[in-house]
């Protein structure tokens, strides 16, 4: 089992989760984070740290569509292990529906 980041993270990119990850399995895109399912040890410490509930276990039925996205982009984006400021519009974007279709960027973030 692993945890995955969902589209709730898009245009928010809170990084509270990366600071607590014992295996540094988070990767940074331009406007969201993903978890490498091959590196995640299923400890679950990241899930309660996300202030917008963007992280779910892969046993959650909603996770199916996000597992492959997390796998694909964790192989392309740089690793992130330290907390950064969220995106400027994070507070106004956290409850927006359908963010993937309108706002997902496949571009990499800066990492650390």
PDB file of N, CA and C in Angstrom:
ATOM      1  N   UNK A   1       0.840  -1.181   0.000  1.00  0.00           N
ATOM      2  CA  UNK A   1       0.000   0.000   0.000  1.00  0.00           C
ATOM      3  C   UNK A   1       0.883   1.243   0.000  1.00  0.00           C
ATOM      4  N   UNK A   2       0.333   2.315  -0.512  1.00  0.00           N
ATOM      5  CA  UNK A   2       1.037   3.590  -0.588  1.00  0.00           C
ATOM      6  C   UNK A   2       0.027   4.719  -0.407  1.00  0.00           C
ATOM      7  N   UNK A   3       0.519   5.904  -0.338  1.00  0.00           N
ATOM      8  CA  UNK A   3      -0.335   7.086  -0.304  1.00  0.00           C
ATOM      9  C   UNK A   3      -0.148   7.827  -1.613  1.00  0.00           C
ATOM     10  N   UNK A   4      -1.164   8.579  -2.032  1.00  0.00           N
ATOM     11  CA  UNK A   4      -1.092   9.352  -3.266  1.00  0.00           C
ATOM     12  C   UNK A   4      -1.590  10.768  -3.013  1.00  0.00           C
ATOM     13  N   UNK A   5      -1.089  11.673  -3.837  1.00  0.00           N
ATOM     14  CA  UNK A   5      -1.556  13.055  -3.809  1.00  0.00           C
ATOM     15  C   UNK A   5      -2.606  13.185  -4.903  1.00  0.00           C
ATOM     16  N   UNK A   6      -3.721  13.828  -4.577  1.00  0.00           N
ATOM     17  CA  UNK A   6      -4.813  14.009  -5.541  1.00  0.00           C
ATOM     18  C   UNK A   6      -4.790  15.416  -6.119  1.00  0.00           C
ATOM     19  N   UNK A   7      -5.746  15.684  -6.990  1.00  0.00           N
ATOM     20  CA  UNK A   7      -5.842  16.994  -7.634  1.00  0.00           C
ATOM     21  C   UNK A   7      -6.159  18.127  -6.667  1.00  0.00           C
ATOM     22  N   UNK A   8      -6.533  17.801  -5.456  1.00  0.00           N
ATOM     23  CA  UNK A   8      -6.793  18.843  -4.453  1.00  0.00           C
ATOM     24  C   UNK A   8      -5.538  19.690  -4.246  1.00  0.00           C
ATOM     25  N   UNK A   9      -4.367  19.102  -4.445  1.00  0.00           N
ATOM     26  CA  UNK A   9      -3.086  19.798  -4.252  1.00  0.00           C
ATOM     27  C   UNK A   9      -2.802  20.843  -5.333  1.00  0.00           C
ATOM     28  N   UNK A  10      -3.389  20.677  -6.500  1.00  0.00           N
ATOM     29  CA  UNK A  10      -3.089  21.566  -7.629  1.00  0.00           C
ATOM     30  C   UNK A  10      -3.382  23.024  -7.283  1.00  0.00           C
ATOM     31  N   UNK A  11      -2.383  23.863  -7.566  1.00  0.00           N
ATOM     32  CA  UNK A  11      -2.421  25.317  -7.328  1.00  0.00           C
ATOM     33  C   UNK A  11      -2.482  25.675  -5.843  1.00  0.00           C
ATOM     34  N   UNK A  12      -2.216  24.709  -4.985  1.00  0.00           N
ATOM     35  CA  UNK A  12      -2.097  24.971  -3.540  1.00  0.00           C
ATOM     36  C   UNK A  12      -0.663  24.666  -3.122  1.00  0.00           C
ATOM     37  N   UNK A  13      -0.260  23.410  -3.295  1.00  0.00           N
ATOM     38  CA  UNK A  13       1.093  22.931  -3.039  1.00  0.00           C
ATOM     39  C   UNK A  13       1.595  23.279  -1.634  1.00  0.00           C
ATOM     40  N   UNK A  14       0.787  22.926  -0.643  1.00  0.00           N
ATOM     41  CA  UNK A  14       1.263  23.018   0.737  1.00  0.00           C
ATOM     42  C   UNK A  14       2.341  21.944   0.897  1.00  0.00           C
ATOM     43  N   UNK A  15       3.395  22.230   1.617  1.00  0.00           N
ATOM     44  CA  UNK A  15       4.502  21.284   1.722  1.00  0.00           C
ATOM     45  C   UNK A  15       4.721  20.767   3.144  1.00  0.00           C
ATOM     46  N   UNK A  16       3.725  20.896   3.997  1.00  0.00           N
ATOM     47  CA  UNK A  16       3.842  20.382   5.361  1.00  0.00           C
ATOM     48  C   UNK A  16       4.172  18.888   5.346  1.00  0.00           C
ATOM     49  N   UNK A  17       3.673  18.185   4.362  1.00  0.00           N
ATOM     50  CA  UNK A  17       3.834  16.733   4.248  1.00  0.00           C
ATOM     51  C   UNK A  17       5.280  16.316   3.989  1.00  0.00           C
ATOM     52  N   UNK A  18       6.008  17.087   3.208  1.00  0.00           N
ATOM     53  CA  UNK A  18       7.361  16.669   2.828  1.00  0.00           C
ATOM     54  C   UNK A  18       8.321  16.690   4.014  1.00  0.00           C
ATOM     55  N   UNK A  19       8.082  17.584   4.931  1.00  0.00           N
ATOM     56  CA  UNK A  19       8.960  17.723   6.097  1.00  0.00           C
ATOM     57  C   UNK A  19       8.931  16.488   6.996  1.00  0.00           C
ATOM     58  N   UNK A  20       7.799  15.806   7.059  1.00  0.00           N
ATOM     59  CA  UNK A  20       7.657  14.664   7.961  1.00  0.00           C
ATOM     60  C   UNK A  20       7.942  13.320   7.302  1.00  0.00           C
ATOM     61  N   UNK A  21       8.095  13.287   6.003  1.00  0.00           N
ATOM     62  CA  UNK A  21       8.295  12.025   5.293  1.00  0.00           C
ATOM     63  C   UNK A  21       9.672  11.427   5.631  1.00  0.00           C
ATOM     64  N   UNK A  22       9.686  10.217   6.206  1.00  0.00           N
ATOM     65  CA  UNK A  22      10.969   9.624   6.602  1.00  0.00           C
ATOM     66  C   UNK A  22      11.796   9.076   5.435  1.00  0.00           C
ATOM     67  N   UNK A  23      11.179   8.922   4.260  1.00  0.00           N
ATOM     68  CA  UNK A  23      11.913   8.367   3.123  1.00  0.00           C
ATOM     69  C   UNK A  23      12.017   9.338   1.944  1.00  0.00           C
ATOM     70  N   UNK A  24      11.612  10.582   2.139  1.00  0.00           N
ATOM     71  CA  UNK A  24      11.743  11.623   1.107  1.00  0.00           C
ATOM     72  C   UNK A  24      11.178  11.195  -0.243  1.00  0.00           C
ATOM     73  N   UNK A  25       9.909  10.760  -0.240  1.00  0.00           N
ATOM     74  CA  UNK A  25       9.312  10.246  -1.473  1.00  0.00           C
ATOM     75  C   UNK A  25       8.384  11.247  -2.171  1.00  0.00           C
ATOM     76  N   UNK A  26       8.507  12.539  -1.830  1.00  0.00           N
ATOM     77  CA  UNK A  26       7.702  13.564  -2.491  1.00  0.00           C
ATOM     78  C   UNK A  26       8.493  14.203  -3.630  1.00  0.00           C
ATOM     79  N   UNK A  27       7.758  14.530  -4.699  1.00  0.00           N
ATOM     80  CA  UNK A  27       8.357  15.156  -5.872  1.00  0.00           C
ATOM     81  C   UNK A  27       7.522  16.367  -6.246  1.00  0.00           C
ATOM     82  N   UNK A  28       8.214  17.409  -6.732  1.00  0.00           N
ATOM     83  CA  UNK A  28       7.557  18.702  -6.934  1.00  0.00           C
ATOM     84  C   UNK A  28       7.354  19.048  -8.397  1.00  0.00           C
ATOM     85  N   UNK A  29       6.085  19.266  -8.733  1.00  0.00           N
ATOM     86  CA  UNK A  29       5.748  19.805 -10.036  1.00  0.00           C
ATOM     87  C   UNK A  29       5.573  21.311  -9.932  1.00  0.00           C
ATOM     88  N   UNK A  30       5.312  21.938 -11.048  1.00  0.00           N
ATOM     89  CA  UNK A  30       5.137  23.386 -11.070  1.00  0.00           C
ATOM     90  C   UNK A  30       4.028  23.839 -10.128  1.00  0.00           C
ATOM     91  N   UNK A  31       2.918  23.065 -10.062  1.00  0.00           N
ATOM     92  CA  UNK A  31       1.819  23.524  -9.210  1.00  0.00           C
ATOM     93  C   UNK A  31       1.180  22.434  -8.350  1.00  0.00           C
ATOM     94  N   UNK A  32       1.891  21.323  -8.138  1.00  0.00           N
ATOM     95  CA  UNK A  32       1.422  20.295  -7.205  1.00  0.00           C
ATOM     96  C   UNK A  32       2.576  19.381  -6.813  1.00  0.00           C
ATOM     97  N   UNK A  33       2.335  18.543  -5.837  1.00  0.00           N
ATOM     98  CA  UNK A  33       3.294  17.533  -5.409  1.00  0.00           C
ATOM     99  C   UNK A  33       2.755  16.151  -5.768  1.00  0.00           C
ATOM    100  N   UNK A  34       3.641  15.174  -5.852  1.00  0.00           N
ATOM    101  CA  UNK A  34       3.243  13.777  -5.992  1.00  0.00           C
ATOM    102  C   UNK A  34       4.106  12.931  -5.067  1.00  0.00           C
ATOM    103  N   UNK A  35       3.653  11.719  -4.808  1.00  0.00           N
ATOM    104  CA  UNK A  35       4.385  10.749  -3.992  1.00  0.00           C
ATOM    105  C   UNK A  35       4.815   9.604  -4.899  1.00  0.00           C
ATOM    106  N   UNK A  36       6.058   9.177  -4.763  1.00  0.00           N
ATOM    107  CA  UNK A  36       6.498   7.997  -5.511  1.00  0.00           C
ATOM    108  C   UNK A  36       5.930   6.757  -4.835  1.00  0.00           C
ATOM    109  N   UNK A  37       5.025   6.033  -5.504  1.00  0.00           N
ATOM    110  CA  UNK A  37       4.451   4.837  -4.889  1.00  0.00           C
ATOM    111  C   UNK A  37       5.485   3.729  -4.689  1.00  0.00           C
ATOM    112  N   UNK A  38       6.582   3.789  -5.423  1.00  0.00           N
ATOM    113  CA  UNK A  38       7.627   2.780  -5.279  1.00  0.00           C
ATOM    114  C   UNK A  38       8.547   3.073  -4.091  1.00  0.00           C
ATOM    115  N   UNK A  39       8.536   4.302  -3.611  1.00  0.00           N
ATOM    116  CA  UNK A  39       9.385   4.688  -2.482  1.00  0.00           C
ATOM    117  C   UNK A  39       8.607   4.816  -1.174  1.00  0.00           C
ATOM    118  N   UNK A  40       7.318   5.089  -1.265  1.00  0.00           N
ATOM    119  CA  UNK A  40       6.482   5.275  -0.074  1.00  0.00           C
ATOM    120  C   UNK A  40       6.466   3.983   0.751  1.00  0.00           C
ATOM    121  N   UNK A  41       6.649   4.117   2.063  1.00  0.00           N
ATOM    122  CA  UNK A  41       6.659   2.942   2.949  1.00  0.00           C
ATOM    123  C   UNK A  41       5.349   2.796   3.711  1.00  0.00           C
ATOM    124  N   UNK A  42       4.345   3.563   3.321  1.00  0.00           N
ATOM    125  CA  UNK A  42       3.013   3.454   3.902  1.00  0.00           C
ATOM    126  C   UNK A  42       2.986   3.749   5.400  1.00  0.00           C
ATOM    127  N   UNK A  43       3.800   4.686   5.824  1.00  0.00           N
ATOM    128  CA  UNK A  43       3.809   5.014   7.258  1.00  0.00           C
ATOM    129  C   UNK A  43       2.629   5.905   7.635  1.00  0.00           C
ATOM    130  N   UNK A  44       2.144   6.684   6.661  1.00  0.00           N
ATOM    131  CA  UNK A  44       0.962   7.505   6.889  1.00  0.00           C
ATOM    132  C   UNK A  44       1.179   8.822   7.608  1.00  0.00           C
ATOM    133  N   UNK A  45       2.416   9.187   7.909  1.00  0.00           N
ATOM    134  CA  UNK A  45       2.625  10.435   8.655  1.00  0.00           C
ATOM    135  C   UNK A  45       2.314  11.682   7.819  1.00  0.00           C
ATOM    136  N   UNK A  46       2.343  11.565   6.518  1.00  0.00           N
ATOM    137  CA  UNK A  46       2.076  12.716   5.658  1.00  0.00           C
ATOM    138  C   UNK A  46       0.594  13.087   5.603  1.00  0.00           C
ATOM    139  N   UNK A  47      -0.254  12.092   5.634  1.00  0.00           N
ATOM    140  CA  UNK A  47      -1.690  12.324   5.430  1.00  0.00           C
ATOM    141  C   UNK A  47      -2.282  13.357   6.390  1.00  0.00           C
ATOM    142  N   UNK A  48      -2.083  13.251   7.697  1.00  0.00           N
ATOM    143  CA  UNK A  48      -2.679  14.248   8.597  1.00  0.00           C
ATOM    144  C   UNK A  48      -1.996  15.614   8.534  1.00  0.00           C
ATOM    145  N   UNK A  49      -0.815  15.687   7.937  1.00  0.00           N
ATOM    146  CA  UNK A  49      -0.108  16.967   7.836  1.00  0.00           C
ATOM    147  C   UNK A  49      -0.660  17.866   6.741  1.00  0.00           C
ATOM    148  N   UNK A  50      -1.347  17.289   5.773  1.00  0.00           N
ATOM    149  CA  UNK A  50      -1.881  18.087   4.664  1.00  0.00           C
ATOM    150  C   UNK A  50      -3.098  18.876   5.144  1.00  0.00           C
ATOM    151  N   UNK A  51      -3.005  20.208   5.108  1.00  0.00           N
ATOM    152  CA  UNK A  51      -4.106  21.024   5.621  1.00  0.00           C
ATOM    153  C   UNK A  51      -5.361  21.026   4.754  1.00  0.00           C
ATOM    154  N   UNK A  52      -5.258  20.464   3.541  1.00  0.00           N
ATOM    155  CA  UNK A  52      -6.415  20.464   2.640  1.00  0.00           C
ATOM    156  C   UNK A  52      -6.855  19.050   2.248  1.00  0.00           C
ATOM    157  N   UNK A  53      -6.332  18.048   2.932  1.00  0.00           N
ATOM    158  CA  UNK A  53      -6.711  16.643   2.686  1.00  0.00           C
ATOM    159  C   UNK A  53      -6.494  16.198   1.247  1.00  0.00           C
ATOM    160  N   UNK A  54      -5.337  16.555   0.687  1.00  0.00           N
ATOM    161  CA  UNK A  54      -5.009  16.172  -0.684  1.00  0.00           C
ATOM    162  C   UNK A  54      -4.327  14.817  -0.768  1.00  0.00           C
ATOM    163  N   UNK A  55      -3.967  14.224   0.376  1.00  0.00           N
ATOM    164  CA  UNK A  55      -3.269  12.945   0.403  1.00  0.00           C
ATOM    165  C   UNK A  55      -4.220  11.870   0.922  1.00  0.00           C
ATOM    166  N   UNK A  56      -4.296  10.773   0.156  1.00  0.00           N
ATOM    167  CA  UNK A  56      -5.172   9.665   0.557  1.00  0.00           C
ATOM    168  C   UNK A  56      -4.433   8.339   0.370  1.00  0.00           C
ATOM    169  N   UNK A  57      -4.833   7.293   1.098  1.00  0.00           N
ATOM    170  CA  UNK A  57      -4.218   5.981   0.879  1.00  0.00           C
ATOM    171  C   UNK A  57      -4.704   5.375  -0.431  1.00  0.00           C
ATOM    172  N   UNK A  58      -3.875   4.535  -1.025  1.00  0.00           N
ATOM    173  CA  UNK A  58      -4.299   3.937  -2.295  1.00  0.00           C
ATOM    174  C   UNK A  58      -5.438   2.939  -2.135  1.00  0.00           C
ATOM    175  N   UNK A  59      -5.798   2.618  -0.912  1.00  0.00           N
ATOM    176  CA  UNK A  59      -6.963   1.759  -0.668  1.00  0.00           C
ATOM    177  C   UNK A  59      -8.284   2.522  -0.796  1.00  0.00           C
ATOM    178  N   UNK A  60      -8.211   3.836  -0.819  1.00  0.00           N
ATOM    179  CA  UNK A  60      -9.388   4.684  -1.007  1.00  0.00           C
ATOM    180  C   UNK A  60      -9.811   4.583  -2.478  1.00  0.00           C
ATOM    181  N   UNK A  61     -11.076   4.350  -2.766  1.00  0.00           N
ATOM    182  CA  UNK A  61     -11.523   4.236  -4.166  1.00  0.00           C
ATOM    183  C   UNK A  61     -11.190   5.461  -5.028  1.00  0.00           C
ATOM    184  N   UNK A  62     -11.090   6.614  -4.424  1.00  0.00           N
ATOM    185  CA  UNK A  62     -10.737   7.825  -5.181  1.00  0.00           C
ATOM    186  C   UNK A  62      -9.284   7.823  -5.647  1.00  0.00           C
ATOM    187  N   UNK A  63      -8.466   6.947  -5.098  1.00  0.00           N
ATOM    188  CA  UNK A  63      -7.033   6.947  -5.390  1.00  0.00           C
ATOM    189  C   UNK A  63      -6.682   6.325  -6.732  1.00  0.00           C
ATOM    190  N   UNK A  64      -7.553   5.506  -7.275  1.00  0.00           N
ATOM    191  CA  UNK A  64      -7.234   4.776  -8.504  1.00  0.00           C
ATOM    192  C   UNK A  64      -6.709   5.672  -9.615  1.00  0.00           C
ATOM    193  N   UNK A  65      -7.379   6.767  -9.877  1.00  0.00           N
ATOM    194  CA  UNK A  65      -6.968   7.633 -10.980  1.00  0.00           C
ATOM    195  C   UNK A  65      -5.707   8.421 -10.677  1.00  0.00           C
ATOM    196  N   UNK A  66      -5.316   8.513  -9.413  1.00  0.00           N
ATOM    197  CA  UNK A  66      -4.151   9.318  -9.041  1.00  0.00           C
ATOM    198  C   UNK A  66      -2.883   8.492  -8.870  1.00  0.00           C
ATOM    199  N   UNK A  67      -3.017   7.195  -8.700  1.00  0.00           N
ATOM    200  CA  UNK A  67      -1.848   6.348  -8.481  1.00  0.00           C
ATOM    201  C   UNK A  67      -0.881   6.410  -9.662  1.00  0.00           C
ATOM    202  N   UNK A  68      -1.385   6.252 -10.867  1.00  0.00           N
ATOM    203  CA  UNK A  68      -0.504   6.285 -12.037  1.00  0.00           C
ATOM    204  C   UNK A  68       0.067   7.678 -12.283  1.00  0.00           C
ATOM    205  N   UNK A  69      -0.717   8.711 -12.018  1.00  0.00           N
ATOM    206  CA  UNK A  69      -0.194  10.073 -12.163  1.00  0.00           C
ATOM    207  C   UNK A  69       0.952  10.293 -11.187  1.00  0.00           C
ATOM    208  N   UNK A  70       0.806   9.855  -9.945  1.00  0.00           N
ATOM    209  CA  UNK A  70       1.878   9.980  -8.960  1.00  0.00           C
ATOM    210  C   UNK A  70       3.107   9.193  -9.405  1.00  0.00           C
ATOM    211  N   UNK A  71       2.905   7.986  -9.915  1.00  0.00           N
ATOM    212  CA  UNK A  71       4.031   7.161 -10.380  1.00  0.00           C
ATOM    213  C   UNK A  71       4.749   7.841 -11.552  1.00  0.00           C
ATOM    214  N   UNK A  72       3.991   8.296 -12.535  1.00  0.00           N
ATOM    215  CA  UNK A  72       4.578   8.904 -13.730  1.00  0.00           C
ATOM    216  C   UNK A  72       5.387  10.149 -13.398  1.00  0.00           C
ATOM    217  N   UNK A  73       4.787  11.058 -12.627  1.00  0.00           N
ATOM    218  CA  UNK A  73       5.462  12.334 -12.401  1.00  0.00           C
ATOM    219  C   UNK A  73       6.520  12.280 -11.309  1.00  0.00           C
ATOM    220  N   UNK A  74       6.461  11.307 -10.426  1.00  0.00           N
ATOM    221  CA  UNK A  74       7.551  11.173  -9.446  1.00  0.00           C
ATOM    222  C   UNK A  74       8.836  10.739 -10.148  1.00  0.00           C
ATOM    223  N   UNK A  75       8.722  10.132 -11.311  1.00  0.00           N
ATOM    224  CA  UNK A  75       9.898   9.751 -12.093  1.00  0.00           C
ATOM    225  C   UNK A  75      10.447  10.918 -12.922  1.00  0.00           C
ATOM    226  N   UNK A  76       9.655  11.971 -13.082  1.00  0.00           N
ATOM    227  CA  UNK A  76      10.053  13.099 -13.934  1.00  0.00           C
ATOM    228  C   UNK A  76      10.405  14.366 -13.161  1.00  0.00           C
ATOM    229  N   UNK A  77       9.789  14.545 -12.016  1.00  0.00           N
ATOM    230  CA  UNK A  77       9.950  15.786 -11.264  1.00  0.00           C
ATOM    231  C   UNK A  77      11.041  15.666 -10.203  1.00  0.00           C
ATOM    232  N   UNK A  78      11.602  16.806  -9.764  1.00  0.00           N
ATOM    233  CA  UNK A  78      12.652  16.764  -8.742  1.00  0.00           C
ATOM    234  C   UNK A  78      12.102  16.461  -7.348  1.00  0.00           C
ATOM    235  N   UNK A  79      12.947  15.843  -6.559  1.00  0.00           N
ATOM    236  CA  UNK A  79      12.615  15.505  -5.176  1.00  0.00           C
ATOM    237  C   UNK A  79      12.511  16.780  -4.338  1.00  0.00           C
ATOM    238  N   UNK A  80      11.592  16.778  -3.386  1.00  0.00           N
ATOM    239  CA  UNK A  80      11.439  17.894  -2.456  1.00  0.00           C
ATOM    240  C   UNK A  80      11.400  17.313  -1.042  1.00  0.00           C
ATOM    241  N   UNK A  81      12.216  17.883  -0.156  1.00  0.00           N
ATOM    242  CA  UNK A  81      12.313  17.372   1.209  1.00  0.00           C
ATOM    243  C   UNK A  81      12.138  18.447   2.269  1.00  0.00           C
ATOM    244  N   UNK A  82      12.018  19.686   1.839  1.00  0.00           N
ATOM    245  CA  UNK A  82      11.907  20.784   2.802  1.00  0.00           C
ATOM    246  C   UNK A  82      10.640  21.593   2.543  1.00  0.00           C
ATOM    247  N   UNK A  83      10.123  22.158   3.595  1.00  0.00           N
ATOM    248  CA  UNK A  83       8.905  22.965   3.503  1.00  0.00           C
ATOM    249  C   UNK A  83       9.179  24.260   2.743  1.00  0.00           C
ATOM    250  N   UNK A  84       8.232  24.641   1.909  1.00  0.00           N
ATOM    251  CA  UNK A  84       8.258  25.910   1.171  1.00  0.00           C
ATOM    252  C   UNK A  84       6.925  26.598   1.391  1.00  0.00           C
ATOM    253  N   UNK A  85       6.840  27.836   1.021  1.00  0.00           N
ATOM    254  CA  UNK A  85       5.574  28.564   1.085  1.00  0.00           C
ATOM    255  C   UNK A  85       4.600  27.955   0.074  1.00  0.00           C
ATOM    256  N   UNK A  86       3.312  27.877   0.422  1.00  0.00           N
ATOM    257  CA  UNK A  86       2.332  27.397  -0.560  1.00  0.00           C
ATOM    258  C   UNK A  86       2.208  28.387  -1.720  1.00  0.00           C
ATOM    259  N   UNK A  87       1.502  27.988  -2.740  1.00  0.00           N
ATOM    260  CA  UNK A  87       1.300  28.866  -3.892  1.00  0.00           C
ATOM    261  C   UNK A  87       0.501  30.099  -3.474  1.00  0.00           C
ATOM    262  N   UNK A  88       0.686  31.215  -4.151  1.00  0.00           N
ATOM    263  CA  UNK A  88       0.036  32.474  -3.744  1.00  0.00           C
ATOM    264  C   UNK A  88      -1.492  32.401  -3.622  1.00  0.00           C
ATOM    265  N   UNK A  89      -2.147  31.620  -4.468  1.00  0.00           N
ATOM    266  CA  UNK A  89      -3.607  31.530  -4.448  1.00  0.00           C
ATOM    267  C   UNK A  89      -4.109  30.292  -3.709  1.00  0.00           C
ATOM    268  N   UNK A  90      -3.271  29.678  -2.890  1.00  0.00           N
ATOM    269  CA  UNK A  90      -3.623  28.413  -2.230  1.00  0.00           C
ATOM    270  C   UNK A  90      -4.925  28.500  -1.443  1.00  0.00           C
ATOM    271  N   UNK A  91      -5.106  29.541  -0.684  1.00  0.00           N
ATOM    272  CA  UNK A  91      -6.328  29.637   0.133  1.00  0.00           C
ATOM    273  C   UNK A  91      -7.588  29.711  -0.723  1.00  0.00           C
ATOM    274  N   UNK A  92      -7.531  30.435  -1.813  1.00  0.00           N
ATOM    275  CA  UNK A  92      -8.720  30.559  -2.664  1.00  0.00           C
ATOM    276  C   UNK A  92      -8.913  29.342  -3.573  1.00  0.00           C
ATOM    277  N   UNK A  93      -7.859  28.557  -3.810  1.00  0.00           N
ATOM    278  CA  UNK A  93      -7.948  27.409  -4.714  1.00  0.00           C
ATOM    279  C   UNK A  93      -8.248  26.092  -4.002  1.00  0.00           C
ATOM    280  N   UNK A  94      -8.122  26.041  -2.680  1.00  0.00           N
ATOM    281  CA  UNK A  94      -8.198  24.755  -1.988  1.00  0.00           C
ATOM    282  C   UNK A  94      -9.517  24.019  -2.153  1.00  0.00           C
ATOM    283  N   UNK A  95     -10.615  24.716  -2.349  1.00  0.00           N
ATOM    284  CA  UNK A  95     -11.917  24.058  -2.466  1.00  0.00           C
ATOM    285  C   UNK A  95     -12.462  24.039  -3.891  1.00  0.00           C
ATOM    286  N   UNK A  96     -11.659  24.444  -4.859  1.00  0.00           N
ATOM    287  CA  UNK A  96     -12.102  24.480  -6.252  1.00  0.00           C
ATOM    288  C   UNK A  96     -12.204  23.053  -6.795  1.00  0.00           C
ATOM    289  N   UNK A  97     -13.298  22.752  -7.446  1.00  0.00           N
ATOM    290  CA  UNK A  97     -13.522  21.433  -8.049  1.00  0.00           C
ATOM    291  C   UNK A  97     -12.930  21.392  -9.463  1.00  0.00           C
ATOM    292  N   UNK A  98     -12.594  20.209  -9.930  1.00  0.00           N
ATOM    293  CA  UNK A  98     -12.138  20.036 -11.308  1.00  0.00           C
ATOM    294  C   UNK A  98     -10.817  20.700 -11.617  1.00  0.00           C
ATOM    295  N   UNK A  99      -9.924  20.754 -10.659  1.00  0.00           N
ATOM    296  CA  UNK A  99      -8.655  21.445 -10.872  1.00  0.00           C
ATOM    297  C   UNK A  99      -7.763  20.743 -11.888  1.00  0.00           C
ATOM    298  N   UNK A 100      -7.830  19.422 -11.964  1.00  0.00           N
ATOM    299  CA  UNK A 100      -6.932  18.722 -12.877  1.00  0.00           C
ATOM    300  C   UNK A 100      -7.166  19.154 -14.326  1.00  0.00           C
ATOM    301  N   UNK A 101      -8.396  19.160 -14.745  1.00  0.00           N
ATOM    302  CA  UNK A 101      -8.723  19.505 -16.126  1.00  0.00           C
ATOM    303  C   UNK A 101      -8.354  20.949 -16.467  1.00  0.00           C
ATOM    304  N   UNK A 102      -8.462  21.836 -15.529  1.00  0.00           N
ATOM    305  CA  UNK A 102      -8.245  23.259 -15.809  1.00  0.00           C
ATOM    306  C   UNK A 102      -6.851  23.764 -15.457  1.00  0.00           C
ATOM    307  N   UNK A 103      -6.200  23.143 -14.456  1.00  0.00           N
ATOM    308  CA  UNK A 103      -5.000  23.769 -13.921  1.00  0.00           C
ATOM    309  C   UNK A 103      -3.753  22.886 -13.825  1.00  0.00           C
ATOM    310  N   UNK A 104      -3.856  21.578 -14.072  1.00  0.00           N
ATOM    311  CA  UNK A 104      -2.673  20.721 -13.926  1.00  0.00           C
ATOM    312  C   UNK A 104      -1.566  21.131 -14.880  1.00  0.00           C
ATOM    313  N   UNK A 105      -0.345  21.197 -14.376  1.00  0.00           N
ATOM    314  CA  UNK A 105       0.824  21.464 -15.206  1.00  0.00           C
ATOM    315  C   UNK A 105       1.778  20.283 -15.125  1.00  0.00           C
ATOM    316  N   UNK A 106       2.194  19.741 -16.270  1.00  0.00           N
ATOM    317  CA  UNK A 106       3.163  18.648 -16.254  1.00  0.00           C
ATOM    318  C   UNK A 106       4.600  19.118 -16.065  1.00  0.00           C
ATOM    319  N   UNK A 107       4.785  20.422 -15.971  1.00  0.00           N
ATOM    320  CA  UNK A 107       6.127  20.981 -15.831  1.00  0.00           C
ATOM    321  C   UNK A 107       6.699  20.701 -14.438  1.00  0.00           C
ATOM    322  N   UNK A 108       7.996  20.483 -14.342  1.00  0.00           N
ATOM    323  CA  UNK A 108       8.602  20.235 -13.035  1.00  0.00           C
ATOM    324  C   UNK A 108       8.673  21.490 -12.172  1.00  0.00           C
ATOM    325  N   UNK A 109       8.756  21.274 -10.873  1.00  0.00           N
ATOM    326  CA  UNK A 109       8.983  22.362  -9.936  1.00  0.00           C
ATOM    327  C   UNK A 109      10.474  22.543  -9.737  1.00  0.00           C
ATOM    328  N   UNK A 110      10.847  23.250  -8.702  1.00  0.00           N
ATOM    329  CA  UNK A 110      12.252  23.535  -8.433  1.00  0.00           C
ATOM    330  C   UNK A 110      12.943  22.444  -7.632  1.00  0.00           C
ATOM    331  N   UNK A 111      12.176  21.695  -6.818  1.00  0.00           N
ATOM    332  CA  UNK A 111      12.803  20.735  -5.914  1.00  0.00           C
ATOM    333  C   UNK A 111      13.590  21.487  -4.850  1.00  0.00           C
ATOM    334  N   UNK A 112      14.505  20.786  -4.213  1.00  0.00           N
ATOM    335  CA  UNK A 112      15.355  21.494  -3.255  1.00  0.00           C
ATOM    336  C   UNK A 112      16.779  20.996  -3.254  1.00  0.00           C
TER     337      UNK A 112
END
